[in-house]
mmCIF file of all heavy atoms, coordinates in Angstrom:
data_MODEL
# 
_entry.id   MODEL 
# 
loop_
_atom_site.group_PDB 
_atom_site.id 
_atom_site.type_symbol 
_atom_site.label_atom_id 
_atom_site.label_alt_id 
_atom_site.label_comp_id 
_atom_site.label_asym_id 
_atom_site.label_entity_id 
_atom_site.label_seq_id 
_atom_site.pdbx_PDB_ins_code 
_atom_site.Cartn_x 
_atom_site.Cartn_y 
_atom_site.Cartn_z 
_atom_site.occupancy 
_atom_site.B_iso_or_equiv 
_atom_site.pdbx_formal_charge 
_atom_site.auth_seq_id 
_atom_site.auth_comp_id 
_atom_site.auth_asym_id 
_atom_site.auth_atom_id 
_atom_site.pdbx_PDB_model_num 
ATOM 1   N N   . ASP A 1 1  ? 208.530 -55.270 117.059 1.00 0.00 ? 1  ASP A N   1 
ATOM 2   C CA  . ASP A 1 1  ? 209.834 -54.615 117.139 1.00 0.00 ? 1  ASP A CA  1 
ATOM 3   C C   . ASP A 1 1  ? 210.983 -55.444 116.617 1.00 0.00 ? 1  ASP A C   1 
ATOM 4   O O   . ASP A 1 1  ? 212.129 -54.942 116.523 1.00 0.00 ? 1  ASP A O   1 
ATOM 5   C CB  . ASP A 1 1  ? 210.140 -54.252 118.624 1.00 0.00 ? 1  ASP A CB  1 
ATOM 6   C CG  . ASP A 1 1  ? 209.196 -53.200 119.201 1.00 0.00 ? 1  ASP A CG  1 
ATOM 7   O OD1 . ASP A 1 1  ? 208.837 -52.232 118.449 1.00 0.00 ? 1  ASP A OD1 1 
ATOM 8   O OD2 . ASP A 1 1  ? 208.777 -53.382 120.357 1.00 0.00 ? 1  ASP A OD2 1 
ATOM 9   N N   . THR A 1 2  ? 210.726 -56.703 116.259 1.00 0.00 ? 2  THR A N   1 
ATOM 10  C CA  . THR A 1 2  ? 211.741 -57.590 115.785 1.00 0.00 ? 2  THR A CA  1 
ATOM 11  C C   . THR A 1 2  ? 212.306 -57.013 114.487 1.00 0.00 ? 2  THR A C   1 
ATOM 12  O O   . THR A 1 2  ? 211.591 -56.763 113.482 1.00 0.00 ? 2  THR A O   1 
ATOM 13  C CB  . THR A 1 2  ? 211.157 -58.994 115.539 1.00 0.00 ? 2  THR A CB  1 
ATOM 14  O OG1 . THR A 1 2  ? 210.770 -59.532 116.793 1.00 0.00 ? 2  THR A OG1 1 
ATOM 15  C CG2 . THR A 1 2  ? 212.196 -59.907 114.894 1.00 0.00 ? 2  THR A CG2 1 
ATOM 16  N N   . ALA A 1 3  ? 213.629 -56.859 114.423 1.00 0.00 ? 3  ALA A N   1 
ATOM 17  C CA  . ALA A 1 3  ? 214.264 -56.248 113.245 1.00 0.00 ? 3  ALA A CA  1 
ATOM 18  C C   . ALA A 1 3  ? 215.744 -56.256 113.539 1.00 0.00 ? 3  ALA A C   1 
ATOM 19  O O   . ALA A 1 3  ? 216.205 -56.458 114.668 1.00 0.00 ? 3  ALA A O   1 
ATOM 20  C CB  . ALA A 1 3  ? 213.785 -54.874 112.987 1.00 0.00 ? 3  ALA A CB  1 
ATOM 21  N N   . VAL A 1 4  ? 216.518 -55.975 112.485 1.00 0.00 ? 4  VAL A N   1 
ATOM 22  C CA  . VAL A 1 4  ? 217.930 -55.606 112.627 1.00 0.00 ? 4  VAL A CA  1 
ATOM 23  C C   . VAL A 1 4  ? 217.961 -54.080 112.895 1.00 0.00 ? 4  VAL A C   1 
ATOM 24  O O   . VAL A 1 4  ? 217.383 -53.310 112.116 1.00 0.00 ? 4  VAL A O   1 
ATOM 25  C CB  . VAL A 1 4  ? 218.782 -55.949 111.400 1.00 0.00 ? 4  VAL A CB  1 
ATOM 26  C CG1 . VAL A 1 4  ? 220.209 -55.472 111.653 1.00 0.00 ? 4  VAL A CG1 1 
ATOM 27  C CG2 . VAL A 1 4  ? 218.717 -57.448 111.230 1.00 0.00 ? 4  VAL A CG2 1 
ATOM 28  N N   . TYR A 1 5  ? 218.609 -53.718 113.976 1.00 0.00 ? 5  TYR A N   1 
ATOM 29  C CA  . TYR A 1 5  ? 218.716 -52.290 114.322 1.00 0.00 ? 5  TYR A CA  1 
ATOM 30  C C   . TYR A 1 5  ? 220.088 -51.740 113.901 1.00 0.00 ? 5  TYR A C   1 
ATOM 31  O O   . TYR A 1 5  ? 221.119 -52.338 114.231 1.00 0.00 ? 5  TYR A O   1 
ATOM 32  C CB  . TYR A 1 5  ? 218.489 -52.074 115.828 1.00 0.00 ? 5  TYR A CB  1 
ATOM 33  C CG  . TYR A 1 5  ? 217.046 -52.205 116.234 1.00 0.00 ? 5  TYR A CG  1 
ATOM 34  C CD1 . TYR A 1 5  ? 216.377 -53.428 116.133 1.00 0.00 ? 5  TYR A CD1 1 
ATOM 35  C CD2 . TYR A 1 5  ? 216.297 -51.063 116.588 1.00 0.00 ? 5  TYR A CD2 1 
ATOM 36  C CE1 . TYR A 1 5  ? 215.057 -53.563 116.527 1.00 0.00 ? 5  TYR A CE1 1 
ATOM 37  C CE2 . TYR A 1 5  ? 214.938 -51.196 116.918 1.00 0.00 ? 5  TYR A CE2 1 
ATOM 38  C CZ  . TYR A 1 5  ? 214.378 -52.433 116.896 1.00 0.00 ? 5  TYR A CZ  1 
ATOM 39  O OH  . TYR A 1 5  ? 213.007 -52.587 117.232 1.00 0.00 ? 5  TYR A OH  1 
ATOM 40  N N   . TYR A 1 6  ? 220.104 -50.585 113.251 1.00 0.00 ? 6  TYR A N   1 
ATOM 41  C CA  . TYR A 1 6  ? 221.319 -49.970 112.785 1.00 0.00 ? 6  TYR A CA  1 
ATOM 42  C C   . TYR A 1 6  ? 221.421 -48.561 113.407 1.00 0.00 ? 6  TYR A C   1 
ATOM 43  O O   . TYR A 1 6  ? 220.371 -47.902 113.660 1.00 0.00 ? 6  TYR A O   1 
ATOM 44  C CB  . TYR A 1 6  ? 221.290 -49.816 111.260 1.00 0.00 ? 6  TYR A CB  1 
ATOM 45  C CG  . TYR A 1 6  ? 221.124 -51.062 110.487 1.00 0.00 ? 6  TYR A CG  1 
ATOM 46  C CD1 . TYR A 1 6  ? 219.883 -51.568 110.174 1.00 0.00 ? 6  TYR A CD1 1 
ATOM 47  C CD2 . TYR A 1 6  ? 222.262 -51.785 110.077 1.00 0.00 ? 6  TYR A CD2 1 
ATOM 48  C CE1 . TYR A 1 6  ? 219.759 -52.764 109.479 1.00 0.00 ? 6  TYR A CE1 1 
ATOM 49  C CE2 . TYR A 1 6  ? 222.103 -52.960 109.333 1.00 0.00 ? 6  TYR A CE2 1 
ATOM 50  C CZ  . TYR A 1 6  ? 220.842 -53.435 109.053 1.00 0.00 ? 6  TYR A CZ  1 
ATOM 51  O OH  . TYR A 1 6  ? 220.722 -54.540 108.303 1.00 0.00 ? 6  TYR A OH  1 
ATOM 52  N N   . CYS A 1 7  ? 222.630 -48.084 113.580 1.00 0.00 ? 7  CYS A N   1 
ATOM 53  C CA  . CYS A 1 7  ? 222.826 -46.715 113.870 1.00 0.00 ? 7  CYS A CA  1 
ATOM 54  C C   . CYS A 1 7  ? 223.628 -46.015 112.798 1.00 0.00 ? 7  CYS A C   1 
ATOM 55  O O   . CYS A 1 7  ? 224.374 -46.693 112.087 1.00 0.00 ? 7  CYS A O   1 
ATOM 56  C CB  . CYS A 1 7  ? 223.511 -46.555 115.236 1.00 0.00 ? 7  CYS A CB  1 
ATOM 57  S SG  . CYS A 1 7  ? 225.104 -47.344 115.531 1.00 0.00 ? 7  CYS A SG  1 
ATOM 58  N N   . ALA A 1 8  ? 223.429 -44.726 112.652 1.00 0.00 ? 8  ALA A N   1 
ATOM 59  C CA  . ALA A 1 8  ? 224.087 -43.990 111.605 1.00 0.00 ? 8  ALA A CA  1 
ATOM 60  C C   . ALA A 1 8  ? 224.272 -42.528 112.034 1.00 0.00 ? 8  ALA A C   1 
ATOM 61  O O   . ALA A 1 8  ? 223.509 -42.021 112.796 1.00 0.00 ? 8  ALA A O   1 
ATOM 62  C CB  . ALA A 1 8  ? 223.298 -44.060 110.281 1.00 0.00 ? 8  ALA A CB  1 
ATOM 63  N N   . VAL A 1 9  ? 225.276 -41.859 111.472 1.00 0.00 ? 9  VAL A N   1 
ATOM 64  C CA  . VAL A 1 9  ? 225.437 -40.478 111.654 1.00 0.00 ? 9  VAL A CA  1 
ATOM 65  C C   . VAL A 1 9  ? 224.418 -39.729 110.812 1.00 0.00 ? 9  VAL A C   1 
ATOM 66  O O   . VAL A 1 9  ? 224.216 -40.072 109.614 1.00 0.00 ? 9  VAL A O   1 
ATOM 67  C CB  . VAL A 1 9  ? 226.853 -40.041 111.264 1.00 0.00 ? 9  VAL A CB  1 
ATOM 68  C CG1 . VAL A 1 9  ? 226.979 -38.508 111.291 1.00 0.00 ? 9  VAL A CG1 1 
ATOM 69  C CG2 . VAL A 1 9  ? 227.904 -40.644 112.167 1.00 0.00 ? 9  VAL A CG2 1 
ATOM 70  N N   . ASP A 1 10 ? 223.743 -38.814 111.403 1.00 0.00 ? 10 ASP A N   1 
ATOM 71  C CA  . ASP A 1 10 ? 222.734 -37.978 110.665 1.00 0.00 ? 10 ASP A CA  1 
ATOM 72  C C   . ASP A 1 10 ? 223.359 -36.591 110.561 1.00 0.00 ? 10 ASP A C   1 
ATOM 73  O O   . ASP A 1 10 ? 223.357 -35.798 111.535 1.00 0.00 ? 10 ASP A O   1 
ATOM 74  C CB  . ASP A 1 10 ? 221.412 -37.934 111.453 1.00 0.00 ? 10 ASP A CB  1 
ATOM 75  C CG  . ASP A 1 10 ? 220.314 -37.321 110.611 1.00 0.00 ? 10 ASP A CG  1 
ATOM 76  O OD1 . ASP A 1 10 ? 220.589 -36.396 109.818 1.00 0.00 ? 10 ASP A OD1 1 
ATOM 77  O OD2 . ASP A 1 10 ? 219.156 -37.712 110.793 1.00 0.00 ? 10 ASP A OD2 1 
ATOM 78  N N   . ARG A 1 11 ? 223.862 -36.270 109.348 1.00 0.00 ? 11 ARG A N   1 
ATOM 79  C CA  . ARG A 1 11 ? 224.539 -34.994 109.107 1.00 0.00 ? 11 ARG A CA  1 
ATOM 80  C C   . ARG A 1 11 ? 223.623 -33.800 109.148 1.00 0.00 ? 11 ARG A C   1 
ATOM 81  O O   . ARG A 1 11 ? 224.056 -32.638 109.164 1.00 0.00 ? 11 ARG A O   1 
ATOM 82  C CB  . ARG A 1 11 ? 225.285 -35.021 107.795 1.00 0.00 ? 11 ARG A CB  1 
ATOM 83  C CG  . ARG A 1 11 ? 226.414 -36.018 107.721 1.00 0.00 ? 11 ARG A CG  1 
ATOM 84  C CD  . ARG A 1 11 ? 227.657 -35.541 108.513 1.00 0.00 ? 11 ARG A CD  1 
ATOM 85  N NE  . ARG A 1 11 ? 228.161 -34.246 107.978 1.00 0.00 ? 11 ARG A NE  1 
ATOM 86  C CZ  . ARG A 1 11 ? 229.013 -34.182 107.022 1.00 0.00 ? 11 ARG A CZ  1 
ATOM 87  N NH1 . ARG A 1 11 ? 229.447 -35.263 106.355 1.00 0.00 ? 11 ARG A NH1 1 
ATOM 88  N NH2 . ARG A 1 11 ? 229.413 -32.997 106.592 1.00 0.00 ? 11 ARG A NH2 1 
ATOM 89  N N   . ASP A 1 12 ? 222.253 -34.072 109.141 1.00 0.00 ? 12 ASP A N   1 
ATOM 90  C CA  . ASP A 1 12 ? 221.314 -32.985 109.063 1.00 0.00 ? 12 ASP A CA  1 
ATOM 91  C C   . ASP A 1 12 ? 220.596 -32.845 110.424 1.00 0.00 ? 12 ASP A C   1 
ATOM 92  O O   . ASP A 1 12 ? 219.448 -32.316 110.498 1.00 0.00 ? 12 ASP A O   1 
ATOM 93  C CB  . ASP A 1 12 ? 220.313 -33.256 107.973 1.00 0.00 ? 12 ASP A CB  1 
ATOM 94  C CG  . ASP A 1 12 ? 219.499 -32.040 107.578 1.00 0.00 ? 12 ASP A CG  1 
ATOM 95  O OD1 . ASP A 1 12 ? 220.069 -30.944 107.612 1.00 0.00 ? 12 ASP A OD1 1 
ATOM 96  O OD2 . ASP A 1 12 ? 218.327 -32.180 107.184 1.00 0.00 ? 12 ASP A OD2 1 
ATOM 97  N N   . GLN A 1 13 ? 221.211 -33.266 111.524 1.00 0.00 ? 13 GLN A N   1 
ATOM 98  C CA  . GLN A 1 13 ? 220.654 -33.085 112.839 1.00 0.00 ? 13 GLN A CA  1 
ATOM 99  C C   . GLN A 1 13 ? 219.235 -33.666 112.942 1.00 0.00 ? 13 GLN A C   1 
ATOM 100 O O   . GLN A 1 13 ? 218.266 -32.956 113.304 1.00 0.00 ? 13 GLN A O   1 
ATOM 101 C CB  . GLN A 1 13 ? 220.719 -31.664 113.288 1.00 0.00 ? 13 GLN A CB  1 
ATOM 102 C CG  . GLN A 1 13 ? 222.154 -31.086 113.461 1.00 0.00 ? 13 GLN A CG  1 
ATOM 103 C CD  . GLN A 1 13 ? 222.908 -31.824 114.576 1.00 0.00 ? 13 GLN A CD  1 
ATOM 104 O OE1 . GLN A 1 13 ? 222.394 -32.089 115.633 1.00 0.00 ? 13 GLN A OE1 1 
ATOM 105 N NE2 . GLN A 1 13 ? 224.156 -32.174 114.256 1.00 0.00 ? 13 GLN A NE2 1 
ATOM 106 N N   . CYS A 1 14 ? 219.093 -34.879 112.576 1.00 0.00 ? 14 CYS A N   1 
ATOM 107 C CA  . CYS A 1 14 ? 217.859 -35.680 112.703 1.00 0.00 ? 14 CYS A CA  1 
ATOM 108 C C   . CYS A 1 14 ? 216.817 -35.268 111.667 1.00 0.00 ? 14 CYS A C   1 
ATOM 109 O O   . CYS A 1 14 ? 215.639 -35.523 111.825 1.00 0.00 ? 14 CYS A O   1 
ATOM 110 C CB  . CYS A 1 14 ? 217.293 -35.642 114.086 1.00 0.00 ? 14 CYS A CB  1 
ATOM 111 S SG  . CYS A 1 14 ? 218.346 -36.409 115.324 1.00 0.00 ? 14 CYS A SG  1 
ATOM 112 N N   . GLY A 1 15 ? 217.325 -34.800 110.525 1.00 0.00 ? 15 GLY A N   1 
ATOM 113 C CA  . GLY A 1 15 ? 216.456 -34.643 109.366 1.00 0.00 ? 15 GLY A CA  1 
ATOM 114 C C   . GLY A 1 15 ? 216.217 -35.884 108.597 1.00 0.00 ? 15 GLY A C   1 
ATOM 115 O O   . GLY A 1 15 ? 215.358 -35.920 107.719 1.00 0.00 ? 15 GLY A O   1 
ATOM 116 N N   . PHE A 1 16 ? 216.972 -36.924 108.889 1.00 0.00 ? 16 PHE A N   1 
ATOM 117 C CA  . PHE A 1 16 ? 216.856 -38.262 108.271 1.00 0.00 ? 16 PHE A CA  1 
ATOM 118 C C   . PHE A 1 16 ? 217.069 -38.240 106.801 1.00 0.00 ? 16 PHE A C   1 
ATOM 119 O O   . PHE A 1 16 ? 216.500 -39.085 106.054 1.00 0.00 ? 16 PHE A O   1 
ATOM 120 C CB  . PHE A 1 16 ? 215.511 -38.924 108.654 1.00 0.00 ? 16 PHE A CB  1 
ATOM 121 C CG  . PHE A 1 16 ? 215.423 -39.435 110.022 1.00 0.00 ? 16 PHE A CG  1 
ATOM 122 C CD1 . PHE A 1 16 ? 215.282 -38.606 111.141 1.00 0.00 ? 16 PHE A CD1 1 
ATOM 123 C CD2 . PHE A 1 16 ? 215.464 -40.832 110.244 1.00 0.00 ? 16 PHE A CD2 1 
ATOM 124 C CE1 . PHE A 1 16 ? 215.201 -39.094 112.406 1.00 0.00 ? 16 PHE A CE1 1 
ATOM 125 C CE2 . PHE A 1 16 ? 215.373 -41.328 111.537 1.00 0.00 ? 16 PHE A CE2 1 
ATOM 126 C CZ  . PHE A 1 16 ? 215.259 -40.473 112.603 1.00 0.00 ? 16 PHE A CZ  1 
ATOM 127 N N   . ARG A 1 17 ? 217.902 -37.338 106.324 1.00 0.00 ? 17 ARG A N   1 
ATOM 128 C CA  . ARG A 1 17 ? 218.114 -37.216 104.871 1.00 0.00 ? 17 ARG A CA  1 
ATOM 129 C C   . ARG A 1 17 ? 219.582 -37.514 104.534 1.00 0.00 ? 17 ARG A C   1 
ATOM 130 O O   . ARG A 1 17 ? 219.852 -37.995 103.446 1.00 0.00 ? 17 ARG A O   1 
ATOM 131 C CB  . ARG A 1 17 ? 217.780 -35.785 104.379 1.00 0.00 ? 17 ARG A CB  1 
ATOM 132 C CG  . ARG A 1 17 ? 216.293 -35.474 104.502 1.00 0.00 ? 17 ARG A CG  1 
ATOM 133 C CD  . ARG A 1 17 ? 216.010 -34.101 103.891 1.00 0.00 ? 17 ARG A CD  1 
ATOM 134 N NE  . ARG A 1 17 ? 216.668 -33.049 104.573 1.00 0.00 ? 17 ARG A NE  1 
ATOM 135 C CZ  . ARG A 1 17 ? 216.757 -31.782 104.169 1.00 0.00 ? 17 ARG A CZ  1 
ATOM 136 N NH1 . ARG A 1 17 ? 216.229 -31.410 103.010 1.00 0.00 ? 17 ARG A NH1 1 
ATOM 137 N NH2 . ARG A 1 17 ? 217.373 -30.896 104.952 1.00 0.00 ? 17 ARG A NH2 1 
ATOM 138 N N   . TYR A 1 18 ? 220.498 -37.170 105.408 1.00 0.00 ? 18 TYR A N   1 
ATOM 139 C CA  . TYR A 1 18 ? 221.914 -37.337 105.079 1.00 0.00 ? 18 TYR A CA  1 
ATOM 140 C C   . TYR A 1 18 ? 222.520 -38.295 106.154 1.00 0.00 ? 18 TYR A C   1 
ATOM 141 O O   . TYR A 1 18 ? 223.100 -37.859 107.110 1.00 0.00 ? 18 TYR A O   1 
ATOM 142 C CB  . TYR A 1 18 ? 222.612 -35.955 105.071 1.00 0.00 ? 18 TYR A CB  1 
ATOM 143 C CG  . TYR A 1 18 ? 222.044 -35.023 104.074 1.00 0.00 ? 18 TYR A CG  1 
ATOM 144 C CD1 . TYR A 1 18 ? 221.232 -33.964 104.491 1.00 0.00 ? 18 TYR A CD1 1 
ATOM 145 C CD2 . TYR A 1 18 ? 222.257 -35.194 102.740 1.00 0.00 ? 18 TYR A CD2 1 
ATOM 146 C CE1 . TYR A 1 18 ? 220.697 -33.131 103.611 1.00 0.00 ? 18 TYR A CE1 1 
ATOM 147 C CE2 . TYR A 1 18 ? 221.657 -34.342 101.803 1.00 0.00 ? 18 TYR A CE2 1 
ATOM 148 C CZ  . TYR A 1 18 ? 220.901 -33.274 102.255 1.00 0.00 ? 18 TYR A CZ  1 
ATOM 149 O OH  . TYR A 1 18 ? 220.342 -32.435 101.352 1.00 0.00 ? 18 TYR A OH  1 
ATOM 150 N N   . LEU A 1 19 ? 222.377 -39.543 105.852 1.00 0.00 ? 19 LEU A N   1 
ATOM 151 C CA  . LEU A 1 19 ? 222.757 -40.585 106.770 1.00 0.00 ? 19 LEU A CA  1 
ATOM 152 C C   . LEU A 1 19 ? 224.103 -41.259 106.326 1.00 0.00 ? 19 LEU A C   1 
ATOM 153 O O   . LEU A 1 19 ? 224.153 -41.721 105.176 1.00 0.00 ? 19 LEU A O   1 
ATOM 154 C CB  . LEU A 1 19 ? 221.670 -41.674 106.867 1.00 0.00 ? 19 LEU A CB  1 
ATOM 155 C CG  . LEU A 1 19 ? 220.301 -41.062 107.220 1.00 0.00 ? 19 LEU A CG  1 
ATOM 156 C CD1 . LEU A 1 19 ? 219.232 -42.157 107.146 1.00 0.00 ? 19 LEU A CD1 1 
ATOM 157 C CD2 . LEU A 1 19 ? 220.322 -40.405 108.604 1.00 0.00 ? 19 LEU A CD2 1 
ATOM 158 N N   . GLU A 1 20 ? 225.026 -41.302 107.143 1.00 0.00 ? 20 GLU A N   1 
ATOM 159 C CA  . GLU A 1 20 ? 226.339 -41.741 106.839 1.00 0.00 ? 20 GLU A CA  1 
ATOM 160 C C   . GLU A 1 20 ? 226.911 -42.679 107.925 1.00 0.00 ? 20 GLU A C   1 
ATOM 161 O O   . GLU A 1 20 ? 226.453 -42.652 109.075 1.00 0.00 ? 20 GLU A O   1 
ATOM 162 C CB  . GLU A 1 20 ? 227.314 -40.602 106.627 1.00 0.00 ? 20 GLU A CB  1 
ATOM 163 C CG  . GLU A 1 20 ? 226.938 -39.575 105.574 1.00 0.00 ? 20 GLU A CG  1 
ATOM 164 C CD  . GLU A 1 20 ? 227.884 -38.413 105.472 1.00 0.00 ? 20 GLU A CD  1 
ATOM 165 O OE1 . GLU A 1 20 ? 228.740 -38.266 106.363 1.00 0.00 ? 20 GLU A OE1 1 
ATOM 166 O OE2 . GLU A 1 20 ? 227.722 -37.642 104.519 1.00 0.00 ? 20 GLU A OE2 1 
ATOM 167 N N   . VAL A 1 21 ? 227.939 -43.396 107.555 1.00 0.00 ? 21 VAL A N   1 
ATOM 168 C CA  . VAL A 1 21 ? 228.714 -44.217 108.541 1.00 0.00 ? 21 VAL A CA  1 
ATOM 169 C C   . VAL A 1 21 ? 227.789 -45.189 109.259 1.00 0.00 ? 21 VAL A C   1 
ATOM 170 O O   . VAL A 1 21 ? 227.681 -45.188 110.511 1.00 0.00 ? 21 VAL A O   1 
ATOM 171 C CB  . VAL A 1 21 ? 229.495 -43.323 109.506 1.00 0.00 ? 21 VAL A CB  1 
ATOM 172 C CG1 . VAL A 1 21 ? 230.549 -44.168 110.200 1.00 0.00 ? 21 VAL A CG1 1 
ATOM 173 C CG2 . VAL A 1 21 ? 230.169 -42.120 108.864 1.00 0.00 ? 21 VAL A CG2 1 
ATOM 174 N N   . TRP A 1 22 ? 227.089 -45.986 108.459 1.00 0.00 ? 22 TRP A N   1 
ATOM 175 C CA  . TRP A 1 22 ? 226.232 -46.996 109.034 1.00 0.00 ? 22 TRP A CA  1 
ATOM 176 C C   . TRP A 1 22 ? 227.021 -48.084 109.798 1.00 0.00 ? 22 TRP A C   1 
ATOM 177 O O   . TRP A 1 22 ? 228.058 -48.515 109.345 1.00 0.00 ? 22 TRP A O   1 
ATOM 178 C CB  . TRP A 1 22 ? 225.436 -47.674 107.924 1.00 0.00 ? 22 TRP A CB  1 
ATOM 179 C CG  . TRP A 1 22 ? 224.419 -46.770 107.318 1.00 0.00 ? 22 TRP A CG  1 
ATOM 180 C CD1 . TRP A 1 22 ? 224.578 -45.959 106.261 1.00 0.00 ? 22 TRP A CD1 1 
ATOM 181 C CD2 . TRP A 1 22 ? 223.083 -46.636 107.720 1.00 0.00 ? 22 TRP A CD2 1 
ATOM 182 N NE1 . TRP A 1 22 ? 223.395 -45.277 105.962 1.00 0.00 ? 22 TRP A NE1 1 
ATOM 183 C CE2 . TRP A 1 22 ? 222.481 -45.712 106.856 1.00 0.00 ? 22 TRP A CE2 1 
ATOM 184 C CE3 . TRP A 1 22 ? 222.285 -47.227 108.751 1.00 0.00 ? 22 TRP A CE3 1 
ATOM 185 C CZ2 . TRP A 1 22 ? 221.132 -45.299 106.970 1.00 0.00 ? 22 TRP A CZ2 1 
ATOM 186 C CZ3 . TRP A 1 22 ? 220.948 -46.842 108.844 1.00 0.00 ? 22 TRP A CZ3 1 
ATOM 187 C CH2 . TRP A 1 22 ? 220.386 -45.847 107.966 1.00 0.00 ? 22 TRP A CH2 1 
ATOM 188 N N   . GLY A 1 23 ? 226.548 -48.459 110.901 1.00 0.00 ? 23 GLY A N   1 
ATOM 189 C CA  . GLY A 1 23 ? 227.108 -49.608 111.621 1.00 0.00 ? 23 GLY A CA  1 
ATOM 190 C C   . GLY A 1 23 ? 226.631 -50.926 111.022 1.00 0.00 ? 23 GLY A C   1 
ATOM 191 O O   . GLY A 1 23 ? 225.812 -50.951 110.064 1.00 0.00 ? 23 GLY A O   1 
ATOM 192 N N   . GLN A 1 24 ? 227.099 -52.040 111.568 1.00 0.00 ? 24 GLN A N   1 
ATOM 193 C CA  . GLN A 1 24 ? 226.785 -53.356 111.072 1.00 0.00 ? 24 GLN A CA  1 
ATOM 194 C C   . GLN A 1 24 ? 225.372 -53.763 111.380 1.00 0.00 ? 24 GLN A C   1 
ATOM 195 O O   . GLN A 1 24 ? 224.784 -54.588 110.652 1.00 0.00 ? 24 GLN A O   1 
ATOM 196 C CB  . GLN A 1 24 ? 227.779 -54.374 111.636 1.00 0.00 ? 24 GLN A CB  1 
ATOM 197 C CG  . GLN A 1 24 ? 229.174 -54.293 110.961 1.00 0.00 ? 24 GLN A CG  1 
ATOM 198 C CD  . GLN A 1 24 ? 229.096 -54.713 109.548 1.00 0.00 ? 24 GLN A CD  1 
ATOM 199 O OE1 . GLN A 1 24 ? 229.133 -53.849 108.625 1.00 0.00 ? 24 GLN A OE1 1 
ATOM 200 N NE2 . GLN A 1 24 ? 228.967 -56.032 109.256 1.00 0.00 ? 24 GLN A NE2 1 
# 
């Protein structure tokens, strides 16, 4: 599980295709 974890807005309701506004 070791990794850098990011969050992002998913404009496609969890379709994982339109990801915007990534955090640090």
